[in-house]
C-alpha atoms as a PDB file:
ATOM      1  CA  UNK A   1      25.296  38.243  11.973  1.00  0.00           C
ATOM      2  CA  UNK A   2      23.699  34.909  12.229  1.00  0.00           C
ATOM      3  CA  UNK A   3      26.132  32.031  12.354  1.00  0.00           C
ATOM      4  CA  UNK A   4      24.759  28.599  12.203  1.00  0.00           C
ATOM      5  CA  UNK A   5      26.758  25.960  14.009  1.00  0.00           C
ATOM      6  CA  UNK A   6      26.149  22.419  12.761  1.00  0.00           C
ATOM      7  CA  UNK A   7      26.885  19.959  15.670  1.00  0.00           C
ATOM      8  CA  UNK A   8      26.971  16.099  15.687  1.00  0.00           C
ATOM      9  CA  UNK A   9      23.638  16.035  17.248  1.00  0.00           C
ATOM     10  CA  UNK A  10      22.047  17.980  14.348  1.00  0.00           C
ATOM     11  CA  UNK A  11      23.632  15.658  11.820  1.00  0.00           C
ATOM     12  CA  UNK A  12      22.557  12.611  13.924  1.00  0.00           C
ATOM     13  CA  UNK A  13      18.882  13.854  14.090  1.00  0.00           C
ATOM     14  CA  UNK A  14      18.900  14.597  10.267  1.00  0.00           C
ATOM     15  CA  UNK A  15      20.184  11.060   9.543  1.00  0.00           C
ATOM     16  CA  UNK A  16      17.801   9.364  11.703  1.00  0.00           C
ATOM     17  CA  UNK A  17      14.938  11.363  10.207  1.00  0.00           C
ATOM     18  CA  UNK A  18      15.990  10.350   6.767  1.00  0.00           C
ATOM     19  CA  UNK A  19      16.162   6.564   7.596  1.00  0.00           C
ATOM     20  CA  UNK A  20      12.794   6.698   9.234  1.00  0.00           C
ATOM     21  CA  UNK A  21      11.532   8.472   5.843  1.00  0.00           C
ATOM     22  CA  UNK A  22      13.011   6.005   3.765  1.00  0.00           C
ATOM     23  CA  UNK A  23      11.673   3.152   5.873  1.00  0.00           C
ATOM     24  CA  UNK A  24       8.199   4.681   5.840  1.00  0.00           C
ATOM     25  CA  UNK A  25       8.465   5.016   1.898  1.00  0.00           C
ATOM     26  CA  UNK A  26       9.640   1.514   1.357  1.00  0.00           C
ATOM     27  CA  UNK A  27       6.707   0.080   3.526  1.00  0.00           C
ATOM     28  CA  UNK A  28       4.045   2.006   1.691  1.00  0.00           C
ATOM     29  CA  UNK A  29       5.626   1.092  -1.712  1.00  0.00           C
ATOM     30  CA  UNK A  30       5.659  -2.581  -0.713  1.00  0.00           C
ATOM     31  CA  UNK A  31       2.056  -2.498   0.440  1.00  0.00           C
ATOM     32  CA  UNK A  32       1.109  -0.776  -2.855  1.00  0.00           C
ATOM     33  CA  UNK A  33       2.949  -3.446  -4.954  1.00  0.00           C
ATOM     34  CA  UNK A  34       1.435  -6.462  -3.078  1.00  0.00           C
ATOM     35  CA  UNK A  35      -2.158  -4.933  -3.281  1.00  0.00           C
ATOM     36  CA  UNK A  36      -1.568  -4.312  -6.992  1.00  0.00           C
ATOM     37  CA  UNK A  37      -0.521  -7.840  -7.462  1.00  0.00           C
ATOM     38  CA  UNK A  38      -3.642  -9.101  -5.461  1.00  0.00           C
ATOM     39  CA  UNK A  39      -5.956  -7.118  -7.748  1.00  0.00           C
ATOM     40  CA  UNK A  40      -4.386  -8.507 -10.945  1.00  0.00           C
ATOM     41  CA  UNK A  41      -4.660 -12.205  -9.469  1.00  0.00           C
ATOM     42  CA  UNK A  42      -8.304 -11.698  -8.406  1.00  0.00           C
ATOM     43  CA  UNK A  43      -9.204 -10.243 -11.848  1.00  0.00           C
ATOM     44  CA  UNK A  44      -7.819 -13.468 -13.415  1.00  0.00           C
ATOM     45  CA  UNK A  45      -9.570 -15.797 -11.156  1.00  0.00           C
ATOM     46  CA  UNK A  46     -13.106 -17.259 -11.878  1.00  0.00           C
ATOM     47  CA  UNK A  47     -15.896 -15.386 -10.127  1.00  0.00           C
ATOM     48  CA  UNK A  48     -16.738 -18.154  -7.633  1.00  0.00           C
ATOM     49  CA  UNK A  49     -13.333 -18.362  -6.438  1.00  0.00           C
ATOM     50  CA  UNK A  50     -12.814 -14.728  -6.295  1.00  0.00           C
ATOM     51  CA  UNK A  51     -16.041 -14.209  -4.158  1.00  0.00           C
ATOM     52  CA  UNK A  52     -14.696 -16.996  -1.842  1.00  0.00           C
ATOM     53  CA  UNK A  53     -11.313 -15.398  -1.311  1.00  0.00           C
ATOM     54  CA  UNK A  54     -12.780 -11.755  -1.047  1.00  0.00           C
ATOM     55  CA  UNK A  55     -15.120 -13.181   1.588  1.00  0.00           C
ATOM     56  CA  UNK A  56     -12.144 -14.020   3.873  1.00  0.00           C
ATOM     57  CA  UNK A  57     -10.717 -10.648   3.827  1.00  0.00           C
ATOM     58  CA  UNK A  58     -11.414  -7.625   6.429  1.00  0.00           C
ATOM     59  CA  UNK A  59     -14.604  -5.799   5.191  1.00  0.00           C
ATOM     60  CA  UNK A  60     -12.640  -2.495   4.442  1.00  0.00           C
ATOM     61  CA  UNK A  61     -10.141  -4.265   2.510  1.00  0.00           C
ATOM     62  CA  UNK A  62     -12.832  -6.145   0.472  1.00  0.00           C
ATOM     63  CA  UNK A  63     -14.509  -2.893  -0.365  1.00  0.00           C
ATOM     64  CA  UNK A  64     -11.215  -1.243  -1.518  1.00  0.00           C
ATOM     65  CA  UNK A  65     -10.355  -4.147  -3.676  1.00  0.00           C
ATOM     66  CA  UNK A  66     -13.848  -4.447  -5.092  1.00  0.00           C
ATOM     67  CA  UNK A  67     -13.774  -1.019  -6.187  1.00  0.00           C
ATOM     68  CA  UNK A  68     -10.349  -1.415  -7.758  1.00  0.00           C
ATOM     69  CA  UNK A  69     -11.424  -4.318  -9.839  1.00  0.00           C
ATOM     70  CA  UNK A  70     -14.478  -2.537 -10.875  1.00  0.00           C
ATOM     71  CA  UNK A  71     -12.491   0.696 -11.809  1.00  0.00           C
ATOM     72  CA  UNK A  72      -9.475  -1.057 -13.643  1.00  0.00           C
ATOM     73  CA  UNK A  73     -11.009  -4.256 -14.875  1.00  0.00           C
ATOM     74  CA  UNK A  74     -14.716  -3.638 -15.136  1.00  0.00           C
ATOM     75  CA  UNK A  75     -15.060  -6.839 -13.177  1.00  0.00           C
ATOM     76  CA  UNK A  76     -18.370  -7.456 -11.519  1.00  0.00           C
ATOM     77  CA  UNK A  77     -18.264  -8.730  -7.905  1.00  0.00           C
ATOM     78  CA  UNK A  78     -21.184  -9.242  -5.596  1.00  0.00           C
ATOM     79  CA  UNK A  79     -21.644  -6.420  -3.006  1.00  0.00           C
END
């Protein structure tokens, strides 16, 4: 018959793995919330100011935010 022996090492590995998973989850959630806030703030700006601010961002991030603005707020941005 199979007997599982749980040692302190097993428990330590599981605890460390759980802490890493929680840390990654919190990081992704924080990034999501800040991106949502940025998109809402950009939607509320006048078009000139929005384009000026978008022009300062990295190209990949610009595209993602422009797509989100179009999808959620039907806001036209110059591509």
